[in-house]
Amino acid sequence: MVAGTLLARYAQMNSVSLLVPIGLLQVGLGALVLIWTGRHYDELHGVLRSDTTPVHPGAARLVGLGTATFAGIALVAATIVTLT
């Protein structure tokens, strides 16, 4: 939102009329994101207050397996590069 405000102000001061609507659009989109994050925060904490987890067990396993696999491949690749 700050970047959009600065862009619109700069464009107005330097007579670059094409950039003013772009800056104002950035401000508007920033406001929408700010409203969405506030609502999403409430939704997430509502779930946490009800003693349930928002994390899907299958997703947690997939991320853990992917991380372990990537770390293992990186270790093997680093070992090969170091020894050759």
C-alpha atoms as a PDB file:
ATOM      1  CA  MET A   1       0.000   0.000   0.000  1.00  0.00           C
ATOM      2  CA  VAL A   2       2.860   2.340   0.795  1.00  0.00           C
ATOM      3  CA  ALA A   3       4.555   1.599  -2.533  1.00  0.00           C
ATOM      4  CA  GLY A   4       1.306   2.332  -4.378  1.00  0.00           C
ATOM      5  CA  THR A   5       0.847   5.587  -2.499  1.00  0.00           C
ATOM      6  CA  LEU A   6       4.408   6.658  -3.267  1.00  0.00           C
ATOM      7  CA  LEU A   7       4.034   5.690  -6.929  1.00  0.00           C
ATOM      8  CA  ALA A   8       0.787   7.642  -7.296  1.00  0.00           C
ATOM      9  CA  ARG A   9       2.259  10.667  -5.539  1.00  0.00           C
ATOM     10  CA  TYR A  10       5.450  10.557  -7.635  1.00  0.00           C
ATOM     11  CA  ALA A  11       3.449  10.194 -10.847  1.00  0.00           C
ATOM     12  CA  GLN A  12       1.224  13.107  -9.901  1.00  0.00           C
ATOM     13  CA  MET A  13       4.159  15.378  -9.042  1.00  0.00           C
ATOM     14  CA  ASN A  14       6.024  14.529 -12.276  1.00  0.00           C
ATOM     15  CA  SER A  15       2.988  14.623 -14.585  1.00  0.00           C
ATOM     16  CA  VAL A  16       3.110  10.914 -15.456  1.00  0.00           C
ATOM     17  CA  SER A  17      -0.637  10.409 -15.534  1.00  0.00           C
ATOM     18  CA  LEU A  18      -0.414   6.784 -16.649  1.00  0.00           C
ATOM     19  CA  LEU A  19       1.166   5.670 -13.358  1.00  0.00           C
ATOM     20  CA  VAL A  20      -1.402   7.314 -11.062  1.00  0.00           C
ATOM     21  CA  PRO A  21      -4.109   4.651 -11.632  1.00  0.00           C
ATOM     22  CA  ILE A  22      -1.518   1.897 -11.234  1.00  0.00           C
ATOM     23  CA  GLY A  23      -0.453   3.321  -7.872  1.00  0.00           C
ATOM     24  CA  LEU A  24      -4.060   3.642  -6.750  1.00  0.00           C
ATOM     25  CA  LEU A  25      -4.717   0.070  -7.883  1.00  0.00           C
ATOM     26  CA  GLN A  26      -1.800  -1.089  -5.727  1.00  0.00           C
ATOM     27  CA  VAL A  27      -3.305   0.721  -2.750  1.00  0.00           C
ATOM     28  CA  GLY A  28      -6.687  -0.914  -3.373  1.00  0.00           C
ATOM     29  CA  LEU A  29      -5.214  -4.391  -3.770  1.00  0.00           C
ATOM     30  CA  GLY A  30      -3.145  -3.878  -0.625  1.00  0.00           C
ATOM     31  CA  ALA A  31      -6.295  -2.959   1.280  1.00  0.00           C
ATOM     32  CA  LEU A  32      -8.066  -6.078   0.009  1.00  0.00           C
ATOM     33  CA  VAL A  33      -5.126  -8.272   1.054  1.00  0.00           C
ATOM     34  CA  LEU A  34      -5.128  -6.619   4.481  1.00  0.00           C
ATOM     35  CA  ILE A  35      -8.844  -7.345   4.940  1.00  0.00           C
ATOM     36  CA  TRP A  36      -8.415 -10.941   3.720  1.00  0.00           C
ATOM     37  CA  THR A  37      -5.521 -11.625   6.099  1.00  0.00           C
ATOM     38  CA  GLY A  38      -7.545 -10.340   9.044  1.00  0.00           C
ATOM     39  CA  ARG A  39     -10.392 -12.694   8.256  1.00  0.00           C
ATOM     40  CA  HIS A  40      -8.058 -15.603   7.552  1.00  0.00           C
ATOM     41  CA  TYR A  41      -6.299 -14.992  10.896  1.00  0.00           C
ATOM     42  CA  ASP A  42      -9.641 -15.244  12.717  1.00  0.00           C
ATOM     43  CA  GLU A  43     -10.560 -18.427  10.838  1.00  0.00           C
ATOM     44  CA  LEU A  44      -7.252 -20.069  11.680  1.00  0.00           C
ATOM     45  CA  HIS A  45      -7.326 -19.166  15.349  1.00  0.00           C
ATOM     46  CA  GLY A  46     -10.923 -20.298  15.649  1.00  0.00           C
ATOM     47  CA  VAL A  47      -9.764 -23.762  14.625  1.00  0.00           C
ATOM     48  CA  LEU A  48      -6.841 -23.651  17.056  1.00  0.00           C
ATOM     49  CA  ARG A  49      -9.068 -22.556  19.962  1.00  0.00           C
ATOM     50  CA  SER A  50     -11.345 -25.548  19.362  1.00  0.00           C
ATOM     51  CA  ASP A  51      -8.446 -27.957  20.047  1.00  0.00           C
ATOM     52  CA  THR A  52      -8.302 -29.261  16.482  1.00  0.00           C
ATOM     53  CA  THR A  53      -5.342 -29.019  14.170  1.00  0.00           C
ATOM     54  CA  PRO A  54      -5.444 -27.174  10.845  1.00  0.00           C
ATOM     55  CA  VAL A  55      -2.639 -29.404   9.543  1.00  0.00           C
ATOM     56  CA  HIS A  56      -3.606 -32.400   7.463  1.00  0.00           C
ATOM     57  CA  PRO A  57      -1.554 -35.441   8.577  1.00  0.00           C
ATOM     58  CA  GLY A  58      -0.994 -36.577   4.986  1.00  0.00           C
ATOM     59  CA  ALA A  59       0.339 -33.149   4.011  1.00  0.00           C
ATOM     60  CA  ALA A  60       2.708 -33.127   6.985  1.00  0.00           C
ATOM     61  CA  ARG A  61       4.042 -36.562   5.998  1.00  0.00           C
ATOM     62  CA  LEU A  62       4.483 -35.483   2.385  1.00  0.00           C
ATOM     63  CA  VAL A  63       6.424 -32.356   3.348  1.00  0.00           C
ATOM     64  CA  GLY A  64       8.584 -34.313   5.786  1.00  0.00           C
ATOM     65  CA  LEU A  65       9.321 -37.037   3.236  1.00  0.00           C
ATOM     66  CA  GLY A  66      10.099 -34.479   0.536  1.00  0.00           C
ATOM     67  CA  THR A  67      12.451 -32.583   2.840  1.00  0.00           C
ATOM     68  CA  ALA A  68      14.262 -35.729   3.939  1.00  0.00           C
ATOM     69  CA  THR A  69      14.581 -36.907   0.327  1.00  0.00           C
ATOM     70  CA  PHE A  70      15.924 -33.563  -0.861  1.00  0.00           C
ATOM     71  CA  ALA A  71      18.409 -33.404   2.036  1.00  0.00           C
ATOM     72  CA  GLY A  72      19.600 -36.955   1.291  1.00  0.00           C
ATOM     73  CA  ILE A  73      20.094 -36.233  -2.407  1.00  0.00           C
ATOM     74  CA  ALA A  74      21.920 -32.986  -1.582  1.00  0.00           C
ATOM     75  CA  LEU A  75      24.189 -34.854   0.854  1.00  0.00           C
ATOM     76  CA  VAL A  76      25.040 -37.511  -1.726  1.00  0.00           C
ATOM     77  CA  ALA A  77      25.678 -34.863  -4.410  1.00  0.00           C
ATOM     78  CA  ALA A  78      27.884 -32.809  -2.071  1.00  0.00           C
ATOM     79  CA  THR A  79      29.850 -35.914  -1.114  1.00  0.00           C
ATOM     80  CA  ILE A  80      30.413 -36.871  -4.748  1.00  0.00           C
ATOM     81  CA  VAL A  81      31.505 -33.345  -5.669  1.00  0.00           C
ATOM     82  CA  THR A  82      33.837 -33.171  -2.665  1.00  0.00           C
ATOM     83  CA  LEU A  83      35.501 -36.537  -3.377  1.00  0.00           C
ATOM     84  CA  THR A  84      36.033 -35.980  -7.091  1.00  0.00           C
END
